[in-house]
Structures are given as C-alpha cells and as structure tokens.
Amino acid sequence: MRLPIPPATVGLLRLHLELRSAAGSSLHLALFADSLPAGAAAIPHPPAGDYATAMPVVVVEGTRFLELELDGPAGTGLRGLMLCRDDDLLARLDFLETQRFPQPVL
C-alpha cells in the first residue's frame, strides 16, 4: 500500500493499522519511504480476528510517499489505517473510536 505524504511533512508520525488475521503465524510489517527501507516490525502472536496496532514513523524532509508491506498467514488483511502526527491526540482518538463504535446513519 502506498500513502502520499503532504509537502513539508517532517518529524515523528504514527501509523495506526486495523488488521484482521487468523491465529497462528507471526505478522511482519515493512515500511519504505520513497522506496527506501524506513522501518520494520513484527507481531509474533497475532490474535485471531480484528485488532489494532500502531508504529512510529520518522519522516524526513522531501519524503513523497510511504509504502507498507504486510507479510502474514493466509487470511491476514488490512481493514483500515490512519497516519497522523504523533502528538495529534484527537486524530488518534477518532481512529480508535471508529474501530469500536458503529457509525449511525443520520
């Protein structure tokens, strides 16, 4: 998955991921900034079903896009994501609430 980065975005960001997987094998995440390695993480024992996680991302000046690669067992998938500044507590809360609360149709 490729995420465009707005111009002049620099510093510490947080990538929130909403995932789905079957219990079993570990899940590996690889992050690239403009196709260069920018970080990696693993979830050794992911729970079965839907769950959320977050990883820090440091963006340097001039970064145009981030790419995310997921490597996991069959049935693993990305349900949602959100990238925000690390200190943007309202965006983080909003993302977490949408995972837990059904959205009413008004």
PDB file of N, CA and C in Angstrom:
ATOM      1  N   MET A   1       0.841  -1.157   0.000  1.00  0.00           N
ATOM      2  CA  MET A   1       0.000   0.000   0.000  1.00  0.00           C
ATOM      3  C   MET A   1       0.891   1.226   0.000  1.00  0.00           C
ATOM      4  N   ARG A   2       0.535   2.228  -0.785  1.00  0.00           N
ATOM      5  CA  ARG A   2       1.314   3.461  -0.894  1.00  0.00           C
ATOM      6  C   ARG A   2       0.495   4.636  -0.366  1.00  0.00           C
ATOM      7  N   LEU A   3       1.106   5.423   0.517  1.00  0.00           N
ATOM      8  CA  LEU A   3       0.469   6.597   1.108  1.00  0.00           C
ATOM      9  C   LEU A   3       1.217   7.857   0.687  1.00  0.00           C
ATOM     10  N   PRO A   4       0.552   8.797   0.015  1.00  0.00           N
ATOM     11  CA  PRO A   4       1.231  10.055  -0.309  1.00  0.00           C
ATOM     12  C   PRO A   4       1.423  10.889   0.956  1.00  0.00           C
ATOM     13  N   ILE A   5       2.533  11.581   1.026  1.00  0.00           N
ATOM     14  CA  ILE A   5       2.849  12.449   2.163  1.00  0.00           C
ATOM     15  C   ILE A   5       2.726  13.895   1.713  1.00  0.00           C
ATOM     16  N   PRO A   6       1.931  14.713   2.429  1.00  0.00           N
ATOM     17  CA  PRO A   6       1.815  16.122   2.045  1.00  0.00           C
ATOM     18  C   PRO A   6       3.167  16.826   2.096  1.00  0.00           C
ATOM     19  N   PRO A   7       3.398  17.775   1.195  1.00  0.00           N
ATOM     20  CA  PRO A   7       4.662  18.524   1.210  1.00  0.00           C
ATOM     21  C   PRO A   7       4.893  19.167   2.574  1.00  0.00           C
ATOM     22  N   ALA A   8       6.146  19.281   2.947  1.00  0.00           N
ATOM     23  CA  ALA A   8       6.580  19.914   4.202  1.00  0.00           C
ATOM     24  C   ALA A   8       6.240  19.086   5.445  1.00  0.00           C
ATOM     25  N   THR A   9       5.828  17.833   5.285  1.00  0.00           N
ATOM     26  CA  THR A   9       5.597  16.969   6.436  1.00  0.00           C
ATOM     27  C   THR A   9       6.934  16.385   6.872  1.00  0.00           C
ATOM     28  N   VAL A  10       7.321  16.658   8.102  1.00  0.00           N
ATOM     29  CA  VAL A  10       8.571  16.136   8.651  1.00  0.00           C
ATOM     30  C   VAL A  10       8.358  15.762  10.112  1.00  0.00           C
ATOM     31  N   GLY A  11       9.209  14.903  10.608  1.00  0.00           N
ATOM     32  CA  GLY A  11       9.182  14.571  12.022  1.00  0.00           C
ATOM     33  C   GLY A  11       8.514  13.240  12.317  1.00  0.00           C
ATOM     34  N   LEU A  12       8.155  13.082  13.578  1.00  0.00           N
ATOM     35  CA  LEU A  12       7.585  11.833  14.067  1.00  0.00           C
ATOM     36  C   LEU A  12       6.093  11.757  13.771  1.00  0.00           C
ATOM     37  N   LEU A  13       5.711  10.712  13.056  1.00  0.00           N
ATOM     38  CA  LEU A  13       4.314  10.418  12.773  1.00  0.00           C
ATOM     39  C   LEU A  13       3.977   9.085  13.419  1.00  0.00           C
ATOM     40  N   ARG A  14       2.704   8.745  13.410  1.00  0.00           N
ATOM     41  CA  ARG A  14       2.246   7.469  13.943  1.00  0.00           C
ATOM     42  C   ARG A  14       1.335   6.833  12.909  1.00  0.00           C
ATOM     43  N   LEU A  15       1.657   5.610  12.545  1.00  0.00           N
ATOM     44  CA  LEU A  15       0.863   4.851  11.588  1.00  0.00           C
ATOM     45  C   LEU A  15       0.013   3.860  12.370  1.00  0.00           C
ATOM     46  N   HIS A  16      -1.294   4.084  12.347  1.00  0.00           N
ATOM     47  CA  HIS A  16      -2.246   3.194  13.012  1.00  0.00           C
ATOM     48  C   HIS A  16      -2.788   2.218  11.981  1.00  0.00           C
ATOM     49  N   LEU A  17      -2.816   0.953  12.351  1.00  0.00           N
ATOM     50  CA  LEU A  17      -3.283  -0.095  11.454  1.00  0.00           C
ATOM     51  C   LEU A  17      -4.388  -0.885  12.123  1.00  0.00           C
ATOM     52  N   GLU A  18      -5.453  -1.112  11.388  1.00  0.00           N
ATOM     53  CA  GLU A  18      -6.514  -2.006  11.823  1.00  0.00           C
ATOM     54  C   GLU A  18      -6.377  -3.254  10.962  1.00  0.00           C
ATOM     55  N   LEU A  19      -6.115  -4.389  11.611  1.00  0.00           N
ATOM     56  CA  LEU A  19      -5.771  -5.625  10.912  1.00  0.00           C
ATOM     57  C   LEU A  19      -6.771  -6.734  11.218  1.00  0.00           C
ATOM     58  N   ARG A  20      -6.751  -7.733  10.382  1.00  0.00           N
ATOM     59  CA  ARG A  20      -7.525  -8.948  10.607  1.00  0.00           C
ATOM     60  C   ARG A  20      -6.615 -10.119  10.286  1.00  0.00           C
ATOM     61  N   SER A  21      -6.636 -11.129  11.154  1.00  0.00           N
ATOM     62  CA  SER A  21      -5.827 -12.305  10.854  1.00  0.00           C
ATOM     63  C   SER A  21      -6.402 -13.521  11.541  1.00  0.00           C
ATOM     64  N   ALA A  22      -5.952 -14.669  11.058  1.00  0.00           N
ATOM     65  CA  ALA A  22      -6.221 -15.927  11.735  1.00  0.00           C
ATOM     66  C   ALA A  22      -5.108 -16.121  12.755  1.00  0.00           C
ATOM     67  N   ALA A  23      -5.417 -16.778  13.842  1.00  0.00           N
ATOM     68  CA  ALA A  23      -4.378 -17.033  14.838  1.00  0.00           C
ATOM     69  C   ALA A  23      -3.329 -17.949  14.224  1.00  0.00           C
ATOM     70  N   GLY A  24      -2.117 -17.779  14.651  1.00  0.00           N
ATOM     71  CA  GLY A  24      -1.077 -18.659  14.135  1.00  0.00           C
ATOM     72  C   GLY A  24       0.209 -17.923  13.881  1.00  0.00           C
ATOM     73  N   SER A  25       0.691 -18.008  12.666  1.00  0.00           N
ATOM     74  CA  SER A  25       2.000 -17.460  12.305  1.00  0.00           C
ATOM     75  C   SER A  25       2.092 -15.967  12.562  1.00  0.00           C
ATOM     76  N   SER A  26       3.322 -15.518  12.746  1.00  0.00           N
ATOM     77  CA  SER A  26       3.558 -14.104  13.019  1.00  0.00           C
ATOM     78  C   SER A  26       3.268 -13.243  11.786  1.00  0.00           C
ATOM     79  N   LEU A  27       3.057 -11.977  12.061  1.00  0.00           N
ATOM     80  CA  LEU A  27       2.807 -10.975  11.024  1.00  0.00           C
ATOM     81  C   LEU A  27       4.013 -10.044  10.985  1.00  0.00           C
ATOM     82  N   HIS A  28       4.534  -9.787   9.790  1.00  0.00           N
ATOM     83  CA  HIS A  28       5.680  -8.893   9.622  1.00  0.00           C
ATOM     84  C   HIS A  28       5.250  -7.668   8.817  1.00  0.00           C
ATOM     85  N   LEU A  29       5.681  -6.501   9.282  1.00  0.00           N
ATOM     86  CA  LEU A  29       5.376  -5.231   8.635  1.00  0.00           C
ATOM     87  C   LEU A  29       6.685  -4.598   8.185  1.00  0.00           C
ATOM     88  N   ALA A  30       6.708  -4.117   6.960  1.00  0.00           N
ATOM     89  CA  ALA A  30       7.882  -3.397   6.454  1.00  0.00           C
ATOM     90  C   ALA A  30       7.417  -2.058   5.915  1.00  0.00           C
ATOM     91  N   LEU A  31       8.138  -1.014   6.252  1.00  0.00           N
ATOM     92  CA  LEU A  31       7.789   0.341   5.837  1.00  0.00           C
ATOM     93  C   LEU A  31       8.928   0.903   4.991  1.00  0.00           C
ATOM     94  N   PHE A  32       8.560   1.568   3.911  1.00  0.00           N
ATOM     95  CA  PHE A  32       9.523   2.174   2.998  1.00  0.00           C
ATOM     96  C   PHE A  32       9.139   3.631   2.774  1.00  0.00           C
ATOM     97  N   ALA A  33      10.132   4.514   2.709  1.00  0.00           N
ATOM     98  CA  ALA A  33       9.929   5.928   2.400  1.00  0.00           C
ATOM     99  C   ALA A  33      10.588   6.180   1.053  1.00  0.00           C
ATOM    100  N   ASP A  34       9.791   6.545   0.072  1.00  0.00           N
ATOM    101  CA  ASP A  34      10.299   6.739  -1.292  1.00  0.00           C
ATOM    102  C   ASP A  34      11.116   5.524  -1.742  1.00  0.00           C
ATOM    103  N   SER A  35      10.610   4.345  -1.466  1.00  0.00           N
ATOM    104  CA  SER A  35      11.177   3.038  -1.839  1.00  0.00           C
ATOM    105  C   SER A  35      12.438   2.645  -1.078  1.00  0.00           C
ATOM    106  N   LEU A  36      12.839   3.407  -0.066  1.00  0.00           N
ATOM    107  CA  LEU A  36      13.988   3.065   0.769  1.00  0.00           C
ATOM    108  C   LEU A  36      13.502   2.532   2.112  1.00  0.00           C
ATOM    109  N   PRO A  37      14.149   1.505   2.675  1.00  0.00           N
ATOM    110  CA  PRO A  37      13.706   0.968   3.965  1.00  0.00           C
ATOM    111  C   PRO A  37      13.607   2.056   5.029  1.00  0.00           C
ATOM    112  N   ALA A  38      12.475   2.054   5.755  1.00  0.00           N
ATOM    113  CA  ALA A  38      12.250   3.085   6.761  1.00  0.00           C
ATOM    114  C   ALA A  38      11.802   2.497   8.100  1.00  0.00           C
ATOM    115  N   GLY A  39      11.754   1.185   8.198  1.00  0.00           N
ATOM    116  CA  GLY A  39      11.372   0.566   9.462  1.00  0.00           C
ATOM    117  C   GLY A  39      10.712  -0.777   9.244  1.00  0.00           C
ATOM    118  N   ALA A  40      10.689  -1.546  10.305  1.00  0.00           N
ATOM    119  CA  ALA A  40      10.060  -2.859  10.260  1.00  0.00           C
ATOM    120  C   ALA A  40       9.568  -3.199  11.657  1.00  0.00           C
ATOM    121  N   ALA A  41       8.586  -4.084  11.716  1.00  0.00           N
ATOM    122  CA  ALA A  41       8.044  -4.544  12.989  1.00  0.00           C
ATOM    123  C   ALA A  41       7.444  -5.918  12.774  1.00  0.00           C
ATOM    124  N   ALA A  42       7.216  -6.615  13.861  1.00  0.00           N
ATOM    125  CA  ALA A  42       6.583  -7.927  13.801  1.00  0.00           C
ATOM    126  C   ALA A  42       5.595  -8.057  14.946  1.00  0.00           C
ATOM    127  N   ILE A  43       4.554  -8.816  14.708  1.00  0.00           N
ATOM    128  CA  ILE A  43       3.610  -9.197  15.754  1.00  0.00           C
ATOM    129  C   ILE A  43       3.741 -10.716  15.849  1.00  0.00           C
ATOM    130  N   PRO A  44       4.493 -11.205  16.847  1.00  0.00           N
ATOM    131  CA  PRO A  44       4.829 -12.627  16.894  1.00  0.00           C
ATOM    132  C   PRO A  44       3.624 -13.557  17.037  1.00  0.00           C
ATOM    133  N   HIS A  45       2.631 -13.140  17.819  1.00  0.00           N
ATOM    134  CA  HIS A  45       1.460 -13.982  18.068  1.00  0.00           C
ATOM    135  C   HIS A  45       0.189 -13.154  17.893  1.00  0.00           C
ATOM    136  N   PRO A  46      -0.192 -12.859  16.656  1.00  0.00           N
ATOM    137  CA  PRO A  46      -1.375 -12.016  16.463  1.00  0.00           C
ATOM    138  C   PRO A  46      -2.643 -12.731  16.922  1.00  0.00           C
ATOM    139  N   PRO A  47      -3.576 -11.994  17.484  1.00  0.00           N
ATOM    140  CA  PRO A  47      -4.839 -12.614  17.884  1.00  0.00           C
ATOM    141  C   PRO A  47      -5.677 -12.936  16.652  1.00  0.00           C
ATOM    142  N   ALA A  48      -6.557 -13.898  16.785  1.00  0.00           N
ATOM    143  CA  ALA A  48      -7.480 -14.194  15.696  1.00  0.00           C
ATOM    144  C   ALA A  48      -8.533 -13.094  15.648  1.00  0.00           C
ATOM    145  N   GLY A  49      -8.927 -12.699  14.457  1.00  0.00           N
ATOM    146  CA  GLY A  49      -9.961 -11.681  14.300  1.00  0.00           C
ATOM    147  C   GLY A  49      -9.375 -10.305  14.055  1.00  0.00           C
ATOM    148  N   ASP A  50     -10.143  -9.298  14.445  1.00  0.00           N
ATOM    149  CA  ASP A  50      -9.757  -7.910  14.211  1.00  0.00           C
ATOM    150  C   ASP A  50      -8.995  -7.353  15.410  1.00  0.00           C
ATOM    151  N   TYR A  51      -7.969  -6.565  15.132  1.00  0.00           N
ATOM    152  CA  TYR A  51      -7.204  -5.912  16.183  1.00  0.00           C
ATOM    153  C   TYR A  51      -6.500  -4.694  15.591  1.00  0.00           C
ATOM    154  N   ALA A  52      -5.980  -3.859  16.461  1.00  0.00           N
ATOM    155  CA  ALA A  52      -5.310  -2.638  16.009  1.00  0.00           C
ATOM    156  C   ALA A  52      -3.905  -2.585  16.600  1.00  0.00           C
ATOM    157  N   THR A  53      -3.031  -1.914  15.891  1.00  0.00           N
ATOM    158  CA  THR A  53      -1.683  -1.668  16.377  1.00  0.00           C
ATOM    159  C   THR A  53      -1.214  -0.336  15.795  1.00  0.00           C
ATOM    160  N   ALA A  54      -0.101   0.149  16.262  1.00  0.00           N
ATOM    161  CA  ALA A  54       0.447   1.409  15.751  1.00  0.00           C
ATOM    162  C   ALA A  54       1.962   1.311  15.757  1.00  0.00           C
ATOM    163  N   MET A  55       2.566   2.022  14.814  1.00  0.00           N
ATOM    164  CA  MET A  55       4.026   2.054  14.782  1.00  0.00           C
ATOM    165  C   MET A  55       4.498   3.471  14.494  1.00  0.00           C
ATOM    166  N   PRO A  56       5.610   3.877  15.125  1.00  0.00           N
ATOM    167  CA  PRO A  56       6.146   5.208  14.866  1.00  0.00           C
ATOM    168  C   PRO A  56       6.807   5.253  13.493  1.00  0.00           C
ATOM    169  N   VAL A  57       6.731   6.417  12.871  1.00  0.00           N
ATOM    170  CA  VAL A  57       7.329   6.641  11.559  1.00  0.00           C
ATOM    171  C   VAL A  57       8.022   7.994  11.597  1.00  0.00           C
ATOM    172  N   VAL A  58       9.297   8.028  11.276  1.00  0.00           N
ATOM    173  CA  VAL A  58      10.018   9.298  11.195  1.00  0.00           C
ATOM    174  C   VAL A  58      10.114   9.670   9.715  1.00  0.00           C
ATOM    175  N   VAL A  59       9.564  10.836   9.382  1.00  0.00           N
ATOM    176  CA  VAL A  59       9.561  11.316   8.001  1.00  0.00           C
ATOM    177  C   VAL A  59      10.580  12.445   7.879  1.00  0.00           C
ATOM    178  N   VAL A  60      11.489  12.302   6.918  1.00  0.00           N
ATOM    179  CA  VAL A  60      12.484  13.347   6.678  1.00  0.00           C
ATOM    180  C   VAL A  60      11.983  14.285   5.581  1.00  0.00           C
ATOM    181  N   GLU A  61      12.536  15.465   5.546  1.00  0.00           N
ATOM    182  CA  GLU A  61      12.135  16.478   4.566  1.00  0.00           C
ATOM    183  C   GLU A  61      12.274  15.936   3.142  1.00  0.00           C
ATOM    184  N   GLY A  62      11.262  16.177   2.351  1.00  0.00           N
ATOM    185  CA  GLY A  62      11.273  15.764   0.959  1.00  0.00           C
ATOM    186  C   GLY A  62      10.632  14.414   0.689  1.00  0.00           C
ATOM    187  N   THR A  63      10.240  13.687   1.740  1.00  0.00           N
ATOM    188  CA  THR A  63       9.588  12.394   1.527  1.00  0.00           C
ATOM    189  C   THR A  63       8.273  12.601   0.792  1.00  0.00           C
ATOM    190  N   ARG A  64       8.090  11.851  -0.281  1.00  0.00           N
ATOM    191  CA  ARG A  64       6.878  11.986  -1.104  1.00  0.00           C
ATOM    192  C   ARG A  64       5.814  10.954  -0.783  1.00  0.00           C
ATOM    193  N   PHE A  65       6.250   9.737  -0.404  1.00  0.00           N
ATOM    194  CA  PHE A  65       5.259   8.705  -0.089  1.00  0.00           C
ATOM    195  C   PHE A  65       5.860   7.648   0.825  1.00  0.00           C
ATOM    196  N   LEU A  66       4.980   6.953   1.520  1.00  0.00           N
ATOM    197  CA  LEU A  66       5.344   5.800   2.330  1.00  0.00           C
ATOM    198  C   LEU A  66       4.688   4.575   1.717  1.00  0.00           C
ATOM    199  N   GLU A  67       5.371   3.456   1.808  1.00  0.00           N
ATOM    200  CA  GLU A  67       4.809   2.188   1.352  1.00  0.00           C
ATOM    201  C   GLU A  67       4.831   1.209   2.519  1.00  0.00           C
ATOM    202  N   LEU A  68       3.760   0.439   2.635  1.00  0.00           N
ATOM    203  CA  LEU A  68       3.627  -0.544   3.693  1.00  0.00           C
ATOM    204  C   LEU A  68       3.469  -1.918   3.065  1.00  0.00           C
ATOM    205  N   GLU A  69       4.250  -2.865   3.558  1.00  0.00           N
ATOM    206  CA  GLU A  69       4.121  -4.257   3.124  1.00  0.00           C
ATOM    207  C   GLU A  69       3.762  -5.109   4.330  1.00  0.00           C
ATOM    208  N   LEU A  70       2.767  -5.976   4.160  1.00  0.00           N
ATOM    209  CA  LEU A  70       2.360  -6.922   5.198  1.00  0.00           C
ATOM    210  C   LEU A  70       2.714  -8.317   4.736  1.00  0.00           C
ATOM    211  N   ASP A  71       3.284  -9.096   5.617  1.00  0.00           N
ATOM    212  CA  ASP A  71       3.590 -10.489   5.313  1.00  0.00           C
ATOM    213  C   ASP A  71       3.055 -11.322   6.469  1.00  0.00           C
ATOM    214  N   GLY A  72       1.989 -12.074   6.197  1.00  0.00           N
ATOM    215  CA  GLY A  72       1.378 -12.880   7.237  1.00  0.00           C
ATOM    216  C   GLY A  72       0.704 -14.104   6.658  1.00  0.00           C
ATOM    217  N   PRO A  73       0.098 -14.889   7.519  1.00  0.00           N
ATOM    218  CA  PRO A  73      -0.553 -16.110   7.058  1.00  0.00           C
ATOM    219  C   PRO A  73      -1.796 -15.798   6.219  1.00  0.00           C
ATOM    220  N   ALA A  74      -2.266 -16.807   5.509  1.00  0.00           N
ATOM    221  CA  ALA A  74      -3.499 -16.649   4.730  1.00  0.00           C
ATOM    222  C   ALA A  74      -4.598 -16.144   5.652  1.00  0.00           C
ATOM    223  N   GLY A  75      -5.396 -15.227   5.142  1.00  0.00           N
ATOM    224  CA  GLY A  75      -6.465 -14.632   5.938  1.00  0.00           C
ATOM    225  C   GLY A  75      -6.076 -13.329   6.600  1.00  0.00           C
ATOM    226  N   THR A  76      -4.809 -12.944   6.492  1.00  0.00           N
ATOM    227  CA  THR A  76      -4.358 -11.669   7.055  1.00  0.00           C
ATOM    228  C   THR A  76      -4.738 -10.549   6.108  1.00  0.00           C
ATOM    229  N   GLY A  77      -5.231  -9.451   6.658  1.00  0.00           N
ATOM    230  CA  GLY A  77      -5.590  -8.324   5.807  1.00  0.00           C
ATOM    231  C   GLY A  77      -5.591  -7.017   6.562  1.00  0.00           C
ATOM    232  N   LEU A  78      -5.549  -5.952   5.808  1.00  0.00           N
ATOM    233  CA  LEU A  78      -5.597  -4.597   6.342  1.00  0.00           C
ATOM    234  C   LEU A  78      -7.032  -4.102   6.241  1.00  0.00           C
ATOM    235  N   ARG A  79      -7.636  -3.747   7.372  1.00  0.00           N
ATOM    236  CA  ARG A  79      -9.013  -3.265   7.402  1.00  0.00           C
ATOM    237  C   ARG A  79      -9.089  -1.748   7.379  1.00  0.00           C
ATOM    238  N   GLY A  80      -8.067  -1.091   7.890  1.00  0.00           N
ATOM    239  CA  GLY A  80      -8.063   0.366   7.924  1.00  0.00           C
ATOM    240  C   GLY A  80      -6.713   0.875   8.369  1.00  0.00           C
ATOM    241  N   LEU A  81      -6.462   2.141   8.069  1.00  0.00           N
ATOM    242  CA  LEU A  81      -5.215   2.750   8.513  1.00  0.00           C
ATOM    243  C   LEU A  81      -5.402   4.244   8.648  1.00  0.00           C
ATOM    244  N   MET A  82      -4.505   4.825   9.409  1.00  0.00           N
ATOM    245  CA  MET A  82      -4.511   6.261   9.600  1.00  0.00           C
ATOM    246  C   MET A  82      -3.092   6.686   9.921  1.00  0.00           C
ATOM    247  N   LEU A  83      -2.626   7.725   9.276  1.00  0.00           N
ATOM    248  CA  LEU A  83      -1.311   8.293   9.527  1.00  0.00           C
ATOM    249  C   LEU A  83      -1.517   9.712  10.048  1.00  0.00           C
ATOM    250  N   CYS A  84      -0.915  10.007  11.194  1.00  0.00           N
ATOM    251  CA  CYS A  84      -1.073  11.352  11.767  1.00  0.00           C
ATOM    252  C   CYS A  84       0.208  11.741  12.486  1.00  0.00           C
ATOM    253  N   ARG A  85       0.293  13.005  12.859  1.00  0.00           N
ATOM    254  CA  ARG A  85       1.406  13.445  13.692  1.00  0.00           C
ATOM    255  C   ARG A  85       1.340  12.703  15.028  1.00  0.00           C
ATOM    256  N   ASP A  86       2.460  12.410  15.598  1.00  0.00           N
ATOM    257  CA  ASP A  86       2.499  11.673  16.856  1.00  0.00           C
ATOM    258  C   ASP A  86       1.751  12.396  17.972  1.00  0.00           C
ATOM    259  N   ASP A  87       1.758  13.720  17.943  1.00  0.00           N
ATOM    260  CA  ASP A  87       1.104  14.486  19.002  1.00  0.00           C
ATOM    261  C   ASP A  87      -0.352  14.845  18.693  1.00  0.00           C
ATOM    262  N   ASP A  88      -0.934  14.303  17.630  1.00  0.00           N
ATOM    263  CA  ASP A  88      -2.323  14.598  17.258  1.00  0.00           C
ATOM    264  C   ASP A  88      -3.260  13.640  17.984  1.00  0.00           C
ATOM    265  N   LEU A  89      -3.509  13.930  19.250  1.00  0.00           N
ATOM    266  CA  LEU A  89      -4.317  13.042  20.080  1.00  0.00           C
ATOM    267  C   LEU A  89      -5.762  12.937  19.608  1.00  0.00           C
ATOM    268  N   LEU A  90      -6.324  14.007  19.061  1.00  0.00           N
ATOM    269  CA  LEU A  90      -7.708  13.946  18.585  1.00  0.00           C
ATOM    270  C   LEU A  90      -7.852  13.010  17.386  1.00  0.00           C
ATOM    271  N   ALA A  91      -6.910  13.035  16.465  1.00  0.00           N
ATOM    272  CA  ALA A  91      -6.967  12.120  15.321  1.00  0.00           C
ATOM    273  C   ALA A  91      -6.821  10.679  15.786  1.00  0.00           C
ATOM    274  N   ARG A  92      -5.926  10.453  16.732  1.00  0.00           N
ATOM    275  CA  ARG A  92      -5.733   9.104  17.248  1.00  0.00           C
ATOM    276  C   ARG A  92      -6.989   8.597  17.946  1.00  0.00           C
ATOM    277  N   LEU A  93      -7.607   9.417  18.754  1.00  0.00           N
ATOM    278  CA  LEU A  93      -8.834   9.038  19.448  1.00  0.00           C
ATOM    279  C   LEU A  93      -9.953   8.759  18.457  1.00  0.00           C
ATOM    280  N   ASP A  94     -10.099   9.603  17.451  1.00  0.00           N
ATOM    281  CA  ASP A  94     -11.132   9.407  16.443  1.00  0.00           C
ATOM    282  C   ASP A  94     -10.956   8.068  15.725  1.00  0.00           C
ATOM    283  N   PHE A  95      -9.725   7.729  15.375  1.00  0.00           N
ATOM    284  CA  PHE A  95      -9.464   6.454  14.707  1.00  0.00           C
ATOM    285  C   PHE A  95      -9.838   5.288  15.616  1.00  0.00           C
ATOM    286  N   LEU A  96      -9.444   5.361  16.884  1.00  0.00           N
ATOM    287  CA  LEU A  96      -9.757   4.281  17.816  1.00  0.00           C
ATOM    288  C   LEU A  96     -11.266   4.155  18.038  1.00  0.00           C
ATOM    289  N   GLU A  97     -11.961   5.262  18.124  1.00  0.00           N
ATOM    290  CA  GLU A  97     -13.415   5.211  18.321  1.00  0.00           C
ATOM    291  C   GLU A  97     -14.137   4.591  17.135  1.00  0.00           C
ATOM    292  N   THR A  98     -13.685   4.856  15.929  1.00  0.00           N
ATOM    293  CA  THR A  98     -14.361   4.289  14.761  1.00  0.00           C
ATOM    294  C   THR A  98     -14.185   2.778  14.694  1.00  0.00           C
ATOM    295  N   GLN A  99     -13.175   2.251  15.359  1.00  0.00           N
ATOM    296  CA  GLN A  99     -12.991   0.803  15.392  1.00  0.00           C
ATOM    297  C   GLN A  99     -13.978   0.135  16.339  1.00  0.00           C
ATOM    298  N   ARG A 100     -14.403   0.825  17.367  1.00  0.00           N
ATOM    299  CA  ARG A 100     -15.215   0.220  18.418  1.00  0.00           C
ATOM    300  C   ARG A 100     -16.685   0.609  18.386  1.00  0.00           C
ATOM    301  N   PHE A 101     -16.990   1.763  17.838  1.00  0.00           N
ATOM    302  CA  PHE A 101     -18.364   2.234  17.856  1.00  0.00           C
ATOM    303  C   PHE A 101     -18.958   2.210  16.464  1.00  0.00           C
ATOM    304  N   PRO A 102     -20.086   1.520  16.280  1.00  0.00           N
ATOM    305  CA  PRO A 102     -20.730   1.568  14.945  1.00  0.00           C
ATOM    306  C   PRO A 102     -21.182   2.992  14.633  1.00  0.00           C
ATOM    307  N   GLN A 103     -21.054   3.360  13.374  1.00  0.00           N
ATOM    308  CA  GLN A 103     -21.433   4.710  12.958  1.00  0.00           C
ATOM    309  C   GLN A 103     -22.916   4.733  12.575  1.00  0.00           C
ATOM    310  N   PRO A 104     -23.713   5.555  13.237  1.00  0.00           N
ATOM    311  CA  PRO A 104     -25.135   5.632  12.902  1.00  0.00           C
ATOM    312  C   PRO A 104     -25.345   6.381  11.579  1.00  0.00           C
ATOM    313  N   VAL A 105     -26.397   6.020  10.907  1.00  0.00           N
ATOM    314  CA  VAL A 105     -26.783   6.724   9.681  1.00  0.00           C
ATOM    315  C   VAL A 105     -27.805   7.770  10.096  1.00  0.00           C
ATOM    316  N   LEU A 106     -27.492   9.022   9.818  1.00  0.00           N
ATOM    317  CA  LEU A 106     -28.385  10.129  10.214  1.00  0.00           C
ATOM    318  C   LEU A 106     -29.186  10.609   9.022  1.00  0.00           C
TER     319      LEU A 106
END
